[in-house]
Amino acid sequence: MRKLFWTLAVVGAFLGAGTLAQSQTAHAAIGIVASNWKFTPSSITVHAGQEVVLHLTSTEGVHGLQSDELGIPMTAITPGSTKTVEFTPKKTGKYVLHCAIMCGAGHPNMTLTINVVP
């Protein structure tokens, strides 16, 4: 019985280590909805060095997102489809992204804030 206990303990430790390694390399997946004239949520927090996956959709209007600093390519967001953007922020800081496609009267105030923390 004692041998079985130690075998289970070793197997459990091994499996636990694998789970820990997976969680350290896991990515953050965040849904962002664009509409006239806002992103929801309007602010997100991510970790430097961790891959981030944004799932971008629009409920109305055509909008865009881009950031050279964060490595987000120009991405048009259209109603009825989901765009997936992957990036890994390298530096901590506050990044304010403006809608990259002219979308009407509220366009100048349409922003998404990405807070990158350690």
PDB file of N, CA and C in Angstrom:
ATOM      1  N   MET A   1       0.814  -1.192   0.000  1.00  0.00           N
ATOM      2  CA  MET A   1       0.000   0.000   0.000  1.00  0.00           C
ATOM      3  C   MET A   1       0.860   1.260   0.000  1.00  0.00           C
ATOM      4  N   ARG A   2       1.945   1.216   0.776  1.00  0.00           N
ATOM      5  CA  ARG A   2       2.831   2.370   0.853  1.00  0.00           C
ATOM      6  C   ARG A   2       3.460   2.658  -0.507  1.00  0.00           C
ATOM      7  N   LYS A   3       3.837   1.612  -1.235  1.00  0.00           N
ATOM      8  CA  LYS A   3       4.430   1.780  -2.561  1.00  0.00           C
ATOM      9  C   LYS A   3       3.427   2.423  -3.516  1.00  0.00           C
ATOM     10  N   LEU A   4       2.161   2.017  -3.418  1.00  0.00           N
ATOM     11  CA  LEU A   4       1.115   2.599  -4.255  1.00  0.00           C
ATOM     12  C   LEU A   4       0.957   4.083  -3.958  1.00  0.00           C
ATOM     13  N   PHE A   5       0.995   4.459  -2.674  1.00  0.00           N
ATOM     14  CA  PHE A   5       0.876   5.862  -2.282  1.00  0.00           C
ATOM     15  C   PHE A   5       1.991   6.687  -2.912  1.00  0.00           C
ATOM     16  N   TRP A   6       3.235   6.223  -2.820  1.00  0.00           N
ATOM     17  CA  TRP A   6       4.371   6.972  -3.376  1.00  0.00           C
ATOM     18  C   TRP A   6       4.293   7.042  -4.893  1.00  0.00           C
ATOM     19  N   THR A   7       3.840   5.972  -5.517  1.00  0.00           N
ATOM     20  CA  THR A   7       3.678   5.987  -6.972  1.00  0.00           C
ATOM     21  C   THR A   7       2.659   7.042  -7.370  1.00  0.00           C
ATOM     22  N   LEU A   8       1.529   7.087  -6.679  1.00  0.00           N
ATOM     23  CA  LEU A   8       0.498   8.089  -6.966  1.00  0.00           C
ATOM     24  C   LEU A   8       1.004   9.499  -6.684  1.00  0.00           C
ATOM     25  N   ALA A   9       1.802   9.662  -5.628  1.00  0.00           N
ATOM     26  CA  ALA A   9       2.351  10.977  -5.295  1.00  0.00           C
ATOM     27  C   ALA A   9       3.293  11.462  -6.389  1.00  0.00           C
ATOM     28  N   VAL A  10       4.155  10.571  -6.893  1.00  0.00           N
ATOM     29  CA  VAL A  10       5.092  10.934  -7.956  1.00  0.00           C
ATOM     30  C   VAL A  10       4.339  11.264  -9.245  1.00  0.00           C
ATOM     31  N   VAL A  11       3.363  10.436  -9.602  1.00  0.00           N
ATOM     32  CA  VAL A  11       2.562  10.690 -10.804  1.00  0.00           C
ATOM     33  C   VAL A  11       1.812  12.010 -10.647  1.00  0.00           C
ATOM     34  N   GLY A  12       1.231  12.257  -9.472  1.00  0.00           N
ATOM     35  CA  GLY A  12       0.511  13.510  -9.228  1.00  0.00           C
ATOM     36  C   GLY A  12       1.432  14.705  -9.336  1.00  0.00           C
ATOM     37  N   ALA A  13       2.642  14.605  -8.814  1.00  0.00           N
ATOM     38  CA  ALA A  13       3.603  15.708  -8.912  1.00  0.00           C
ATOM     39  C   ALA A  13       3.985  15.950 -10.360  1.00  0.00           C
ATOM     40  N   PHE A  14       4.185  14.869 -11.102  1.00  0.00           N
ATOM     41  CA  PHE A  14       4.527  15.005 -12.518  1.00  0.00           C
ATOM     42  C   PHE A  14       3.404  15.681 -13.289  1.00  0.00           C
ATOM     43  N   LEU A  15       2.180  15.234 -13.069  1.00  0.00           N
ATOM     44  CA  LEU A  15       1.041  15.840 -13.757  1.00  0.00           C
ATOM     45  C   LEU A  15       0.848  17.284 -13.329  1.00  0.00           C
ATOM     46  N   GLY A  16       1.064  17.574 -12.075  1.00  0.00           N
ATOM     47  CA  GLY A  16       0.951  18.945 -11.587  1.00  0.00           C
ATOM     48  C   GLY A  16       1.982  19.847 -12.234  1.00  0.00           C
ATOM     49  N   ALA A  17       3.204  19.345 -12.415  1.00  0.00           N
ATOM     50  CA  ALA A  17       4.241  20.146 -13.061  1.00  0.00           C
ATOM     51  C   ALA A  17       3.875  20.451 -14.497  1.00  0.00           C
ATOM     52  N   GLY A  18       3.278  19.489 -15.179  1.00  0.00           N
ATOM     53  CA  GLY A  18       2.849  19.725 -16.556  1.00  0.00           C
ATOM     54  C   GLY A  18       1.764  20.777 -16.625  1.00  0.00           C
ATOM     55  N   THR A  19       0.861  20.748 -15.668  1.00  0.00           N
ATOM     56  CA  THR A  19      -0.208  21.737 -15.627  1.00  0.00           C
ATOM     57  C   THR A  19       0.361  23.121 -15.382  1.00  0.00           C
ATOM     58  N   LEU A  20       1.346  23.228 -14.490  1.00  0.00           N
ATOM     59  CA  LEU A  20       1.963  24.509 -14.210  1.00  0.00           C
ATOM     60  C   LEU A  20       2.649  25.049 -15.453  1.00  0.00           C
ATOM     61  N   ALA A  21       3.378  24.204 -16.162  1.00  0.00           N
ATOM     62  CA  ALA A  21       4.064  24.653 -17.368  1.00  0.00           C
ATOM     63  C   ALA A  21       3.054  25.136 -18.401  1.00  0.00           C
ATOM     64  N   GLN A  22       1.935  24.451 -18.510  1.00  0.00           N
ATOM     65  CA  GLN A  22       0.916  24.876 -19.466  1.00  0.00           C
ATOM     66  C   GLN A  22       0.346  26.225 -19.076  1.00  0.00           C
ATOM     67  N   SER A  23       0.098  26.475 -17.790  1.00  0.00           N
ATOM     68  CA  SER A  23      -0.505  27.734 -17.388  1.00  0.00           C
ATOM     69  C   SER A  23       0.455  28.898 -17.599  1.00  0.00           C
ATOM     70  N   GLN A  24       1.759  28.656 -17.504  1.00  0.00           N
ATOM     71  CA  GLN A  24       2.721  29.729 -17.719  1.00  0.00           C
ATOM     72  C   GLN A  24       2.802  30.116 -19.185  1.00  0.00           C
ATOM     73  N   THR A  25       2.507  29.206 -20.089  1.00  0.00           N
ATOM     74  CA  THR A  25       2.589  29.513 -21.505  1.00  0.00           C
ATOM     75  C   THR A  25       1.218  29.783 -22.114  1.00  0.00           C
ATOM     76  N   ALA A  26       0.182  29.697 -21.307  1.00  0.00           N
ATOM     77  CA  ALA A  26      -1.164  29.930 -21.819  1.00  0.00           C
ATOM     78  C   ALA A  26      -1.310  31.379 -22.265  1.00  0.00           C
ATOM     79  N   HIS A  27      -2.278  31.625 -23.118  1.00  0.00           N
ATOM     80  CA  HIS A  27      -2.496  32.980 -23.601  1.00  0.00           C
ATOM     81  C   HIS A  27      -3.815  33.519 -23.054  1.00  0.00           C
ATOM     82  N   ALA A  28      -3.912  34.831 -23.091  1.00  0.00           N
ATOM     83  CA  ALA A  28      -5.154  35.481 -22.688  1.00  0.00           C
ATOM     84  C   ALA A  28      -6.014  35.651 -23.932  1.00  0.00           C
ATOM     85  N   ALA A  29      -7.259  35.217 -23.881  1.00  0.00           N
ATOM     86  CA  ALA A  29      -8.204  35.394 -24.983  1.00  0.00           C
ATOM     87  C   ALA A  29      -9.272  36.378 -24.519  1.00  0.00           C
ATOM     88  N   ILE A  30      -9.434  37.454 -25.281  1.00  0.00           N
ATOM     89  CA  ILE A  30     -10.338  38.526 -24.870  1.00  0.00           C
ATOM     90  C   ILE A  30     -11.252  38.887 -26.030  1.00  0.00           C
ATOM     91  N   GLY A  31     -12.539  38.957 -25.763  1.00  0.00           N
ATOM     92  CA  GLY A  31     -13.507  39.383 -26.759  1.00  0.00           C
ATOM     93  C   GLY A  31     -13.704  40.887 -26.688  1.00  0.00           C
ATOM     94  N   ILE A  32     -13.645  41.546 -27.838  1.00  0.00           N
ATOM     95  CA  ILE A  32     -13.859  42.992 -27.935  1.00  0.00           C
ATOM     96  C   ILE A  32     -14.972  43.224 -28.948  1.00  0.00           C
ATOM     97  N   VAL A  33     -15.989  43.998 -28.565  1.00  0.00           N
ATOM     98  CA  VAL A  33     -17.097  44.306 -29.455  1.00  0.00           C
ATOM     99  C   VAL A  33     -17.033  45.780 -29.821  1.00  0.00           C
ATOM    100  N   ALA A  34     -17.021  46.058 -31.128  1.00  0.00           N
ATOM    101  CA  ALA A  34     -17.040  47.435 -31.618  1.00  0.00           C
ATOM    102  C   ALA A  34     -18.461  47.798 -32.019  1.00  0.00           C
ATOM    103  N   SER A  35     -18.842  49.017 -31.696  1.00  0.00           N
ATOM    104  CA  SER A  35     -20.143  49.542 -32.115  1.00  0.00           C
ATOM    105  C   SER A  35     -19.982  51.051 -32.277  1.00  0.00           C
ATOM    106  N   ASN A  36     -21.009  51.724 -32.706  1.00  0.00           N
ATOM    107  CA  ASN A  36     -20.910  53.179 -32.873  1.00  0.00           C
ATOM    108  C   ASN A  36     -21.032  53.832 -31.513  1.00  0.00           C
ATOM    109  N   TRP A  37     -20.113  54.384 -30.969  1.00  0.00           N
ATOM    110  CA  TRP A  37     -18.744  54.730 -31.174  1.00  0.00           C
ATOM    111  C   TRP A  37     -17.957  54.343 -29.956  1.00  0.00           C
ATOM    112  N   LYS A  38     -17.880  53.043 -29.763  1.00  0.00           N
ATOM    113  CA  LYS A  38     -17.167  52.548 -28.589  1.00  0.00           C
ATOM    114  C   LYS A  38     -16.701  51.114 -28.793  1.00  0.00           C
ATOM    115  N   PHE A  39     -15.693  50.753 -28.005  1.00  0.00           N
ATOM    116  CA  PHE A  39     -15.259  49.371 -27.877  1.00  0.00           C
ATOM    117  C   PHE A  39     -15.747  48.886 -26.511  1.00  0.00           C
ATOM    118  N   THR A  40     -16.214  47.650 -26.451  1.00  0.00           N
ATOM    119  CA  THR A  40     -16.663  47.064 -25.190  1.00  0.00           C
ATOM    120  C   THR A  40     -15.943  45.735 -24.995  1.00  0.00           C
ATOM    121  N   PRO A  41     -15.156  45.589 -23.930  1.00  0.00           N
ATOM    122  CA  PRO A  41     -14.848  46.602 -22.945  1.00  0.00           C
ATOM    123  C   PRO A  41     -13.969  47.699 -23.553  1.00  0.00           C
ATOM    124  N   SER A  42     -13.936  48.854 -22.894  1.00  0.00           N
ATOM    125  CA  SER A  42     -13.148  49.977 -23.406  1.00  0.00           C
ATOM    126  C   SER A  42     -11.719  49.944 -22.885  1.00  0.00           C
ATOM    127  N   SER A  43     -11.451  49.075 -21.908  1.00  0.00           N
ATOM    128  CA  SER A  43     -10.124  48.959 -21.328  1.00  0.00           C
ATOM    129  C   SER A  43      -9.871  47.506 -20.948  1.00  0.00           C
ATOM    130  N   ILE A  44      -8.670  47.020 -21.271  1.00  0.00           N
ATOM    131  CA  ILE A  44      -8.287  45.656 -20.884  1.00  0.00           C
ATOM    132  C   ILE A  44      -6.895  45.699 -20.269  1.00  0.00           C
ATOM    133  N   THR A  45      -6.590  44.686 -19.481  1.00  0.00           N
ATOM    134  CA  THR A  45      -5.263  44.564 -18.879  1.00  0.00           C
ATOM    135  C   THR A  45      -4.675  43.223 -19.285  1.00  0.00           C
ATOM    136  N   VAL A  46      -3.426  43.267 -19.774  1.00  0.00           N
ATOM    137  CA  VAL A  46      -2.720  42.064 -20.203  1.00  0.00           C
ATOM    138  C   VAL A  46      -1.322  42.092 -19.607  1.00  0.00           C
ATOM    139  N   HIS A  47      -0.601  40.991 -19.727  1.00  0.00           N
ATOM    140  CA  HIS A  47       0.739  40.881 -19.142  1.00  0.00           C
ATOM    141  C   HIS A  47       1.810  40.923 -20.219  1.00  0.00           C
ATOM    142  N   ALA A  48       2.871  41.663 -19.942  1.00  0.00           N
ATOM    143  CA  ALA A  48       4.014  41.725 -20.847  1.00  0.00           C
ATOM    144  C   ALA A  48       4.594  40.326 -21.010  1.00  0.00           C
ATOM    145  N   GLY A  49       4.930  39.976 -22.240  1.00  0.00           N
ATOM    146  CA  GLY A  49       5.520  38.678 -22.520  1.00  0.00           C
ATOM    147  C   GLY A  49       4.523  37.553 -22.673  1.00  0.00           C
ATOM    148  N   GLN A  50       3.248  37.811 -22.438  1.00  0.00           N
ATOM    149  CA  GLN A  50       2.216  36.779 -22.577  1.00  0.00           C
ATOM    150  C   GLN A  50       1.429  37.030 -23.859  1.00  0.00           C
ATOM    151  N   GLU A  51       1.259  35.984 -24.654  1.00  0.00           N
ATOM    152  CA  GLU A  51       0.494  36.109 -25.883  1.00  0.00           C
ATOM    153  C   GLU A  51      -0.946  36.486 -25.571  1.00  0.00           C
ATOM    154  N   VAL A  52      -1.481  37.406 -26.359  1.00  0.00           N
ATOM    155  CA  VAL A  52      -2.857  37.851 -26.208  1.00  0.00           C
ATOM    156  C   VAL A  52      -3.584  37.563 -27.515  1.00  0.00           C
ATOM    157  N   VAL A  53      -4.788  37.033 -27.413  1.00  0.00           N
ATOM    158  CA  VAL A  53      -5.620  36.786 -28.579  1.00  0.00           C
ATOM    159  C   VAL A  53      -6.882  37.636 -28.417  1.00  0.00           C
ATOM    160  N   LEU A  54      -7.094  38.552 -29.354  1.00  0.00           N
ATOM    161  CA  LEU A  54      -8.302  39.365 -29.355  1.00  0.00           C
ATOM    162  C   LEU A  54      -9.275  38.792 -30.365  1.00  0.00           C
ATOM    163  N   HIS A  55     -10.521  38.615 -29.949  1.00  0.00           N
ATOM    164  CA  HIS A  55     -11.591  38.204 -30.847  1.00  0.00           C
ATOM    165  C   HIS A  55     -12.455  39.445 -31.068  1.00  0.00           C
ATOM    166  N   LEU A  56     -12.337  40.036 -32.248  1.00  0.00           N
ATOM    167  CA  LEU A  56     -12.971  41.317 -32.545  1.00  0.00           C
ATOM    168  C   LEU A  56     -14.239  41.118 -33.361  1.00  0.00           C
ATOM    169  N   THR A  57     -15.336  41.722 -32.888  1.00  0.00           N
ATOM    170  CA  THR A  57     -16.594  41.689 -33.622  1.00  0.00           C
ATOM    171  C   THR A  57     -17.185  43.097 -33.639  1.00  0.00           C
ATOM    172  N   SER A  58     -18.145  43.316 -34.532  1.00  0.00           N
ATOM    173  CA  SER A  58     -18.850  44.592 -34.600  1.00  0.00           C
ATOM    174  C   SER A  58     -20.346  44.323 -34.602  1.00  0.00           C
ATOM    175  N   THR A  59     -21.068  45.105 -33.820  1.00  0.00           N
ATOM    176  CA  THR A  59     -22.522  44.988 -33.826  1.00  0.00           C
ATOM    177  C   THR A  59     -23.148  45.989 -34.789  1.00  0.00           C
ATOM    178  N   GLU A  60     -22.382  47.032 -35.123  1.00  0.00           N
ATOM    179  CA  GLU A  60     -22.857  48.015 -36.091  1.00  0.00           C
ATOM    180  C   GLU A  60     -21.671  48.810 -36.618  1.00  0.00           C
ATOM    181  N   GLY A  61     -21.665  49.065 -37.887  1.00  0.00           N
ATOM    182  CA  GLY A  61     -20.612  49.865 -38.501  1.00  0.00           C
ATOM    183  C   GLY A  61     -19.326  49.096 -38.732  1.00  0.00           C
ATOM    184  N   VAL A  62     -18.485  49.697 -39.567  1.00  0.00           N
ATOM    185  CA  VAL A  62     -17.160  49.141 -39.847  1.00  0.00           C
ATOM    186  C   VAL A  62     -16.148  49.942 -39.036  1.00  0.00           C
ATOM    187  N   HIS A  63     -15.310  49.234 -38.296  1.00  0.00           N
ATOM    188  CA  HIS A  63     -14.324  49.866 -37.421  1.00  0.00           C
ATOM    189  C   HIS A  63     -12.971  49.214 -37.671  1.00  0.00           C
ATOM    190  N   GLY A  64     -11.940  49.763 -37.066  1.00  0.00           N
ATOM    191  CA  GLY A  64     -10.611  49.207 -37.249  1.00  0.00           C
ATOM    192  C   GLY A  64      -9.770  49.319 -36.007  1.00  0.00           C
ATOM    193  N   LEU A  65      -8.754  48.461 -35.928  1.00  0.00           N
ATOM    194  CA  LEU A  65      -7.831  48.466 -34.801  1.00  0.00           C
ATOM    195  C   LEU A  65      -6.424  48.246 -35.339  1.00  0.00           C
ATOM    196  N   GLN A  66      -5.476  49.020 -34.802  1.00  0.00           N
ATOM    197  CA  GLN A  66      -4.079  48.885 -35.222  1.00  0.00           C
ATOM    198  C   GLN A  66      -3.175  49.487 -34.155  1.00  0.00           C
ATOM    199  N   SER A  67      -2.012  48.863 -33.928  1.00  0.00           N
ATOM    200  CA  SER A  67      -0.994  49.428 -33.048  1.00  0.00           C
ATOM    201  C   SER A  67       0.366  48.878 -33.444  1.00  0.00           C
ATOM    202  N   ASP A  68       1.207  49.752 -33.968  1.00  0.00           N
ATOM    203  CA  ASP A  68       2.567  49.338 -34.300  1.00  0.00           C
ATOM    204  C   ASP A  68       3.350  49.006 -33.029  1.00  0.00           C
ATOM    205  N   GLU A  69       3.115  49.757 -31.957  1.00  0.00           N
ATOM    206  CA  GLU A  69       3.830  49.531 -30.695  1.00  0.00           C
ATOM    207  C   GLU A  69       3.552  48.158 -30.104  1.00  0.00           C
ATOM    208  N   LEU A  70       2.320  47.692 -30.245  1.00  0.00           N
ATOM    209  CA  LEU A  70       1.946  46.391 -29.687  1.00  0.00           C
ATOM    210  C   LEU A  70       2.040  45.260 -30.704  1.00  0.00           C
ATOM    211  N   GLY A  71       2.246  45.605 -31.967  1.00  0.00           N
ATOM    212  CA  GLY A  71       2.319  44.570 -32.996  1.00  0.00           C
ATOM    213  C   GLY A  71       0.960  44.106 -33.475  1.00  0.00           C
ATOM    214  N   ILE A  72      -0.035  45.002 -33.403  1.00  0.00           N
ATOM    215  CA  ILE A  72      -1.374  44.677 -33.890  1.00  0.00           C
ATOM    216  C   ILE A  72      -1.496  45.237 -35.302  1.00  0.00           C
ATOM    217  N   PRO A  73      -1.619  44.373 -36.303  1.00  0.00           N
ATOM    218  CA  PRO A  73      -1.725  44.855 -37.680  1.00  0.00           C
ATOM    219  C   PRO A  73      -3.074  45.533 -37.922  1.00  0.00           C
ATOM    220  N   MET A  74      -3.153  46.351 -38.956  1.00  0.00           N
ATOM    221  CA  MET A  74      -4.421  46.987 -39.305  1.00  0.00           C
ATOM    222  C   MET A  74      -5.460  45.899 -39.531  1.00  0.00           C
ATOM    223  N   THR A  75      -6.543  45.974 -38.770  1.00  0.00           N
ATOM    224  CA  THR A  75      -7.585  44.960 -38.827  1.00  0.00           C
ATOM    225  C   THR A  75      -8.934  45.651 -38.938  1.00  0.00           C
ATOM    226  N   ALA A  76      -9.654  45.385 -40.026  1.00  0.00           N
ATOM    227  CA  ALA A  76     -11.007  45.916 -40.197  1.00  0.00           C
ATOM    228  C   ALA A  76     -11.986  44.996 -39.486  1.00  0.00           C
ATOM    229  N   ILE A  77     -12.910  45.604 -38.747  1.00  0.00           N
ATOM    230  CA  ILE A  77     -13.906  44.852 -37.981  1.00  0.00           C
ATOM    231  C   ILE A  77     -15.262  45.158 -38.598  1.00  0.00           C
ATOM    232  N   THR A  78     -15.891  44.140 -39.162  1.00  0.00           N
ATOM    233  CA  THR A  78     -17.167  44.334 -39.852  1.00  0.00           C
ATOM    234  C   THR A  78     -18.268  43.535 -39.169  1.00  0.00           C
ATOM    235  N   PRO A  79     -19.505  44.025 -39.269  1.00  0.00           N
ATOM    236  CA  PRO A  79     -20.613  43.285 -38.657  1.00  0.00           C
ATOM    237  C   PRO A  79     -20.752  41.888 -39.271  1.00  0.00           C
ATOM    238  N   GLY A  80     -21.102  40.931 -38.425  1.00  0.00           N
ATOM    239  CA  GLY A  80     -21.357  39.582 -38.910  1.00  0.00           C
ATOM    240  C   GLY A  80     -20.146  38.690 -39.019  1.00  0.00           C
ATOM    241  N   SER A  81     -18.975  39.189 -38.633  1.00  0.00           N
ATOM    242  CA  SER A  81     -17.787  38.340 -38.689  1.00  0.00           C
ATOM    243  C   SER A  81     -16.924  38.592 -37.458  1.00  0.00           C
ATOM    244  N   THR A  82     -16.055  37.650 -37.168  1.00  0.00           N
ATOM    245  CA  THR A  82     -15.117  37.789 -36.064  1.00  0.00           C
ATOM    246  C   THR A  82     -13.708  37.763 -36.625  1.00  0.00           C
ATOM    247  N   LYS A  83     -12.902  38.734 -36.247  1.00  0.00           N
ATOM    248  CA  LYS A  83     -11.487  38.771 -36.621  1.00  0.00           C
ATOM    249  C   LYS A  83     -10.682  38.403 -35.395  1.00  0.00           C
ATOM    250  N   THR A  84      -9.683  37.582 -35.582  1.00  0.00           N
ATOM    251  CA  THR A  84      -8.804  37.184 -34.492  1.00  0.00           C
ATOM    252  C   THR A  84      -7.438  37.807 -34.708  1.00  0.00           C
ATOM    253  N   VAL A  85      -6.947  38.483 -33.680  1.00  0.00           N
ATOM    254  CA  VAL A  85      -5.648  39.143 -33.731  1.00  0.00           C
ATOM    255  C   VAL A  85      -4.815  38.620 -32.570  1.00  0.00           C
ATOM    256  N   GLU A  86      -3.596  38.208 -32.870  1.00  0.00           N
ATOM    257  CA  GLU A  86      -2.686  37.720 -31.841  1.00  0.00           C
ATOM    258  C   GLU A  86      -1.491  38.651 -31.747  1.00  0.00           C
ATOM    259  N   PHE A  87      -1.079  38.954 -30.507  1.00  0.00           N
ATOM    260  CA  PHE A  87       0.115  39.772 -30.299  1.00  0.00           C
ATOM    261  C   PHE A  87       0.690  39.457 -28.929  1.00  0.00           C
ATOM    262  N   THR A  88       1.965  39.774 -28.741  1.00  0.00           N
ATOM    263  CA  THR A  88       2.621  39.590 -27.453  1.00  0.00           C
ATOM    264  C   THR A  88       3.251  40.923 -27.069  1.00  0.00           C
ATOM    265  N   PRO A  89       2.665  41.624 -26.101  1.00  0.00           N
ATOM    266  CA  PRO A  89       3.232  42.911 -25.704  1.00  0.00           C
ATOM    267  C   PRO A  89       4.600  42.727 -25.056  1.00  0.00           C
ATOM    268  N   LYS A  90       5.528  43.584 -25.419  1.00  0.00           N
ATOM    269  CA  LYS A  90       6.895  43.460 -24.919  1.00  0.00           C
ATOM    270  C   LYS A  90       7.192  44.417 -23.769  1.00  0.00           C
ATOM    271  N   LYS A  91       6.548  45.598 -23.781  1.00  0.00           N
ATOM    272  CA  LYS A  91       6.820  46.619 -22.770  1.00  0.00           C
ATOM    273  C   LYS A  91       5.563  46.945 -21.975  1.00  0.00           C
ATOM    274  N   THR A  92       5.747  47.164 -20.675  1.00  0.00           N
ATOM    275  CA  THR A  92       4.620  47.590 -19.859  1.00  0.00           C
ATOM    276  C   THR A  92       4.243  49.021 -20.224  1.00  0.00           C
ATOM    277  N   GLY A  93       3.018  49.383 -19.944  1.00  0.00           N
ATOM    278  CA  GLY A  93       2.570  50.741 -20.199  1.00  0.00           C
ATOM    279  C   GLY A  93       1.096  50.782 -20.538  1.00  0.00           C
ATOM    280  N   LYS A  94       0.623  51.993 -20.783  1.00  0.00           N
ATOM    281  CA  LYS A  94      -0.768  52.230 -21.142  1.00  0.00           C
ATOM    282  C   LYS A  94      -0.794  52.621 -22.616  1.00  0.00           C
ATOM    283  N   TYR A  95      -1.521  51.856 -23.415  1.00  0.00           N
ATOM    284  CA  TYR A  95      -1.609  52.089 -24.851  1.00  0.00           C
ATOM    285  C   TYR A  95      -3.067  52.418 -25.193  1.00  0.00           C
ATOM    286  N   VAL A  96      -3.275  53.590 -25.769  1.00  0.00           N
ATOM    287  CA  VAL A  96      -4.621  54.010 -26.148  1.00  0.00           C
ATOM    288  C   VAL A  96      -4.726  53.883 -27.669  1.00  0.00           C
ATOM    289  N   LEU A  97      -5.567  52.946 -28.107  1.00  0.00           N
ATOM    290  CA  LEU A  97      -5.751  52.699 -29.538  1.00  0.00           C
ATOM    291  C   LEU A  97      -7.046  53.370 -29.976  1.00  0.00           C
ATOM    292  N   HIS A  98      -6.966  54.173 -31.021  1.00  0.00           N
ATOM    293  CA  HIS A  98      -8.141  54.828 -31.585  1.00  0.00           C
ATOM    294  C   HIS A  98      -8.689  53.976 -32.717  1.00  0.00           C
ATOM    295  N   CYS A  99      -9.986  54.038 -32.925  1.00  0.00           N
ATOM    296  CA  CYS A  99     -10.578  53.347 -34.065  1.00  0.00           C
ATOM    297  C   CYS A  99      -9.807  53.771 -35.312  1.00  0.00           C
ATOM    298  N   ALA A 100      -9.397  52.801 -36.125  1.00  0.00           N
ATOM    299  CA  ALA A 100      -8.524  53.070 -37.259  1.00  0.00           C
ATOM    300  C   ALA A 100      -9.267  53.300 -38.577  1.00  0.00           C
ATOM    301  N   ILE A 101     -10.597  53.255 -38.544  1.00  0.00           N
ATOM    302  CA  ILE A 101     -11.399  53.495 -39.746  1.00  0.00           C
ATOM    303  C   ILE A 101     -12.453  54.540 -39.398  1.00  0.00           C
ATOM    304  N   MET A 102     -12.505  55.606 -40.178  1.00  0.00           N
ATOM    305  CA  MET A 102     -13.491  56.664 -39.930  1.00  0.00           C
ATOM    306  C   MET A 102     -14.890  56.057 -39.888  1.00  0.00           C
ATOM    307  N   CYS A 103     -15.575  56.259 -38.749  1.00  0.00           N
ATOM    308  CA  CYS A 103     -16.856  55.577 -38.559  1.00  0.00           C
ATOM    309  C   CYS A 103     -18.010  56.521 -38.221  1.00  0.00           C
ATOM    310  N   GLY A 104     -17.802  57.807 -38.345  1.00  0.00           N
ATOM    311  CA  GLY A 104     -18.901  58.738 -38.109  1.00  0.00           C
ATOM    312  C   GLY A 104     -18.584  59.776 -37.057  1.00  0.00           C
ATOM    313  N   ALA A 105     -19.636  60.417 -36.565  1.00  0.00           N
ATOM    314  CA  ALA A 105     -19.510  61.572 -35.676  1.00  0.00           C
ATOM    315  C   ALA A 105     -18.727  61.279 -34.393  1.00  0.00           C
ATOM    316  N   GLY A 106     -18.881  60.119 -33.817  1.00  0.00           N
ATOM    317  CA  GLY A 106     -18.204  59.792 -32.559  1.00  0.00           C
ATOM    318  C   GLY A 106     -16.829  59.172 -32.733  1.00  0.00           C
ATOM    319  N   HIS A 107     -16.348  59.085 -33.953  1.00  0.00           N
ATOM    320  CA  HIS A 107     -15.073  58.427 -34.258  1.00  0.00           C
ATOM    321  C   HIS A 107     -13.891  58.949 -33.425  1.00  0.00           C
ATOM    322  N   PRO A 108     -13.715  60.268 -33.274  1.00  0.00           N
ATOM    323  CA  PRO A 108     -12.527  60.746 -32.541  1.00  0.00           C
ATOM    324  C   PRO A 108     -12.450  60.258 -31.097  1.00  0.00           C
ATOM    325  N   ASN A 109     -13.579  59.893 -30.501  1.00  0.00           N
ATOM    326  CA  ASN A 109     -13.593  59.464 -29.102  1.00  0.00           C
ATOM    327  C   ASN A 109     -13.648  57.957 -28.929  1.00  0.00           C
ATOM    328  N   MET A 110     -13.574  57.208 -30.021  1.00  0.00           N
ATOM    329  CA  MET A 110     -13.673  55.744 -29.957  1.00  0.00           C
ATOM    330  C   MET A 110     -12.286  55.164 -29.694  1.00  0.00           C
ATOM    331  N   THR A 111     -12.051  54.732 -28.440  1.00  0.00           N
ATOM    332  CA  THR A 111     -10.740  54.216 -28.067  1.00  0.00           C
ATOM    333  C   THR A 111     -10.844  52.904 -27.314  1.00  0.00           C
ATOM    334  N   LEU A 112      -9.767  52.151 -27.404  1.00  0.00           N
ATOM    335  CA  LEU A 112      -9.572  50.942 -26.604  1.00  0.00           C
ATOM    336  C   LEU A 112      -8.252  51.125 -25.874  1.00  0.00           C
ATOM    337  N   THR A 113      -8.284  51.071 -24.550  1.00  0.00           N
ATOM    338  CA  THR A 113      -7.071  51.208 -23.748  1.00  0.00           C
ATOM    339  C   THR A 113      -6.570  49.816 -23.380  1.00  0.00           C
ATOM    340  N   ILE A 114      -5.296  49.576 -23.706  1.00  0.00           N
ATOM    341  CA  ILE A 114      -4.663  48.302 -23.341  1.00  0.00           C
ATOM    342  C   ILE A 114      -3.582  48.599 -22.318  1.00  0.00           C
ATOM    343  N   ASN A 115      -3.802  48.139 -21.101  1.00  0.00           N
ATOM    344  CA  ASN A 115      -2.836  48.303 -20.022  1.00  0.00           C
ATOM    345  C   ASN A 115      -1.973  47.060 -19.972  1.00  0.00           C
ATOM    346  N   VAL A 116      -0.675  47.234 -20.169  1.00  0.00           N
ATOM    347  CA  VAL A 116       0.259  46.113 -20.126  1.00  0.00           C
ATOM    348  C   VAL A 116       1.008  46.177 -18.809  1.00  0.00           C
ATOM    349  N   VAL A 117       0.840  45.133 -18.007  1.00  0.00           N
ATOM    350  CA  VAL A 117       1.468  45.055 -16.693  1.00  0.00           C
ATOM    351  C   VAL A 117       2.518  43.941 -16.705  1.00  0.00           C
ATOM    352  N   PRO A 118       3.420  43.969 -15.695  1.00  0.00           N
ATOM    353  CA  PRO A 118       4.458  42.914 -15.654  1.00  0.00           C
ATOM    354  C   PRO A 118       3.878  41.522 -15.494  1.00  0.00           C
TER     355      PRO A 118
END
